[in-house]
C-alpha atoms as a PDB file:
ATOM      1  CA  MET A   1      12.180  26.310  -5.710  1.00  0.00           C
ATOM      2  CA  SER A   2      14.537  24.588  -3.333  1.00  0.00           C
ATOM      3  CA  THR A   3      18.088  24.134  -4.540  1.00  0.00           C
ATOM      4  CA  ASN A   4      17.892  20.610  -3.111  1.00  0.00           C
ATOM      5  CA  VAL A   5      15.452  19.538  -5.835  1.00  0.00           C
ATOM      6  CA  ILE A   6      17.593  21.126  -8.545  1.00  0.00           C
ATOM      7  CA  ARG A   7      20.494  18.813  -7.640  1.00  0.00           C
ATOM      8  CA  PHE A   8      18.349  15.816  -8.697  1.00  0.00           C
ATOM      9  CA  LEU A   9      17.690  17.183 -12.185  1.00  0.00           C
ATOM     10  CA  GLU A  10      19.694  16.111 -15.180  1.00  0.00           C
ATOM     11  CA  GLU A  11      18.278  18.817 -17.462  1.00  0.00           C
ATOM     12  CA  ASP A  12      17.402  22.494 -17.269  1.00  0.00           C
ATOM     13  CA  LEU A  13      14.737  23.253 -14.640  1.00  0.00           C
ATOM     14  CA  ASP A  14      12.404  24.969 -17.135  1.00  0.00           C
ATOM     15  CA  ILE A  15      12.601  22.006 -19.511  1.00  0.00           C
ATOM     16  CA  HIS A  16      11.910  19.559 -16.665  1.00  0.00           C
ATOM     17  CA  VAL A  17       8.877  21.532 -15.451  1.00  0.00           C
ATOM     18  CA  SER A  18       7.546  21.710 -19.012  1.00  0.00           C
ATOM     19  CA  GLN A  19       7.927  17.941 -19.409  1.00  0.00           C
ATOM     20  CA  MET A  20       6.227  17.240 -16.077  1.00  0.00           C
ATOM     21  CA  ARG A  21       3.148  19.208 -17.194  1.00  0.00           C
ATOM     22  CA  ASP A  22       2.405  16.364 -19.613  1.00  0.00           C
ATOM     23  CA  PRO A  23      -0.242  14.188 -17.902  1.00  0.00           C
ATOM     24  CA  ASN A  24       1.530  11.076 -19.242  1.00  0.00           C
ATOM     25  CA  ALA A  25       4.896  12.008 -17.703  1.00  0.00           C
ATOM     26  CA  TRP A  26       6.233   9.887 -14.873  1.00  0.00           C
ATOM     27  CA  GLY A  27       7.766  11.417 -11.778  1.00  0.00           C
ATOM     28  CA  GLY A  28      10.923  10.302 -10.075  1.00  0.00           C
ATOM     29  CA  GLU A  29      13.240  11.402  -7.305  1.00  0.00           C
ATOM     30  CA  PRO A  30      12.681  15.185  -7.724  1.00  0.00           C
ATOM     31  CA  GLU A  31       8.912  14.671  -7.584  1.00  0.00           C
ATOM     32  CA  LEU A  32       9.138  12.451  -4.467  1.00  0.00           C
ATOM     33  CA  PHE A  33      11.276  15.124  -2.824  1.00  0.00           C
ATOM     34  CA  MET A  34       8.775  17.869  -3.644  1.00  0.00           C
ATOM     35  CA  ALA A  35       5.734  15.700  -2.795  1.00  0.00           C
ATOM     36  CA  SER A  36       7.068  15.178   0.717  1.00  0.00           C
ATOM     37  CA  HIS A  37       7.186  18.946   1.213  1.00  0.00           C
ATOM     38  CA  VAL A  38       3.850  19.702  -0.433  1.00  0.00           C
ATOM     39  CA  LEU A  39       2.121  16.983   1.600  1.00  0.00           C
ATOM     40  CA  GLN A  40       4.291  17.688   4.682  1.00  0.00           C
ATOM     41  CA  MET A  41       4.727  13.931   5.035  1.00  0.00           C
ATOM     42  CA  PRO A  42       7.809  11.732   5.123  1.00  0.00           C
ATOM     43  CA  ILE A  43       8.299   9.420   2.151  1.00  0.00           C
ATOM     44  CA  THR A  44      10.453   6.312   2.414  1.00  0.00           C
ATOM     45  CA  VAL A  45      11.648   4.463  -0.684  1.00  0.00           C
ATOM     46  CA  PHE A  46      12.436   0.755  -0.491  1.00  0.00           C
ATOM     47  CA  ILE A  47      13.950  -1.799  -2.849  1.00  0.00           C
ATOM     48  CA  HIS A  48      13.907  -5.609  -2.689  1.00  0.00           C
ATOM     49  CA  ASP A  49      17.029  -6.941  -0.966  1.00  0.00           C
ATOM     50  CA  GLY A  50      18.607  -9.283  -3.482  1.00  0.00           C
ATOM     51  CA  ASP A  51      20.046 -11.510  -0.752  1.00  0.00           C
ATOM     52  CA  SER A  52      16.765 -12.101   1.068  1.00  0.00           C
ATOM     53  CA  THR A  53      13.024 -11.639   0.749  1.00  0.00           C
ATOM     54  CA  GLY A  54      13.138  -8.399   2.724  1.00  0.00           C
ATOM     55  CA  LEU A  55      13.189  -4.747   1.789  1.00  0.00           C
ATOM     56  CA  ILE A  56      15.879  -2.180   2.405  1.00  0.00           C
ATOM     57  CA  THR A  57      15.498   1.577   2.612  1.00  0.00           C
ATOM     58  CA  ILE A  58      17.273   3.421  -0.185  1.00  0.00           C
ATOM     59  CA  ALA A  59      15.943   6.964   0.253  1.00  0.00           C
ATOM     60  CA  GLU A  60      14.002   9.087   2.717  1.00  0.00           C
ATOM     61  CA  TYR A  61      12.397  12.449   2.026  1.00  0.00           C
ATOM     62  CA  GLY A  62      10.699  14.921   4.347  1.00  0.00           C
ATOM     63  CA  GLN A  63      12.100  13.519   7.564  1.00  0.00           C
ATOM     64  CA  GLU A  64      11.581  16.946   9.153  1.00  0.00           C
ATOM     65  CA  TYR A  65       7.855  16.089   9.208  1.00  0.00           C
ATOM     66  CA  GLY A  66       8.472  13.087  11.459  1.00  0.00           C
ATOM     67  CA  LYS A  67       9.428   9.510  10.862  1.00  0.00           C
ATOM     68  CA  GLU A  68       6.187   7.832  11.867  1.00  0.00           C
ATOM     69  CA  ASN A  69       3.702   6.665   9.246  1.00  0.00           C
ATOM     70  CA  PRO A  70       5.676   7.651   6.153  1.00  0.00           C
ATOM     71  CA  ILE A  71       4.296   7.142   2.694  1.00  0.00           C
ATOM     72  CA  LYS A  72       6.039   3.940   1.583  1.00  0.00           C
ATOM     73  CA  VAL A  73       7.185   3.503  -1.996  1.00  0.00           C
ATOM     74  CA  LEU A  74       8.824   0.515  -3.671  1.00  0.00           C
ATOM     75  CA  TYR A  75      11.451   1.267  -6.298  1.00  0.00           C
ATOM     76  CA  ARG A  76      11.264  -1.424  -8.980  1.00  0.00           C
ATOM     77  CA  GLY A  77      14.079  -0.215 -11.226  1.00  0.00           C
ATOM     78  CA  SER A  78      14.039   1.687 -14.496  1.00  0.00           C
ATOM     79  CA  SER A  79      12.655   4.737 -12.672  1.00  0.00           C
ATOM     80  CA  HIS A  80       9.480   2.857 -11.711  1.00  0.00           C
ATOM     81  CA  TYR A  81       7.918   3.369  -8.275  1.00  0.00           C
ATOM     82  CA  ASP A  82       4.845   1.735  -6.720  1.00  0.00           C
ATOM     83  CA  VAL A  83       3.057   2.639  -3.521  1.00  0.00           C
ATOM     84  CA  LEU A  84       3.914  -0.021  -0.954  1.00  0.00           C
ATOM     85  CA  GLN A  85       1.497  -1.362   1.607  1.00  0.00           C
ATOM     86  CA  ILE A  86       2.998  -3.814   4.057  1.00  0.00           C
ATOM     87  CA  PRO A  87       0.449  -6.552   4.910  1.00  0.00           C
ATOM     88  CA  GLY A  88      -0.949  -6.323   8.425  1.00  0.00           C
ATOM     89  CA  LYS A  89      -0.236  -2.603   8.767  1.00  0.00           C
END
């Protein structure tokens, strides 16, 4: 496993993998990182800009697979992510 994903983990790798095997477990940053490589697709994470109605990019994964047509994800806080579809696109 890439050492890049290990830097995201707050617990032992074996414990994390065991927890992620639970079908009710939620993924986070390590899983987004690995998903970009498994899918060979870029993933861009956005958050609502508190000063406007727009979105700002807070993380990008898998940029080596290109920057066009990334999977877009909205971070909603408390480790909650939703797939983001921008209207008209």
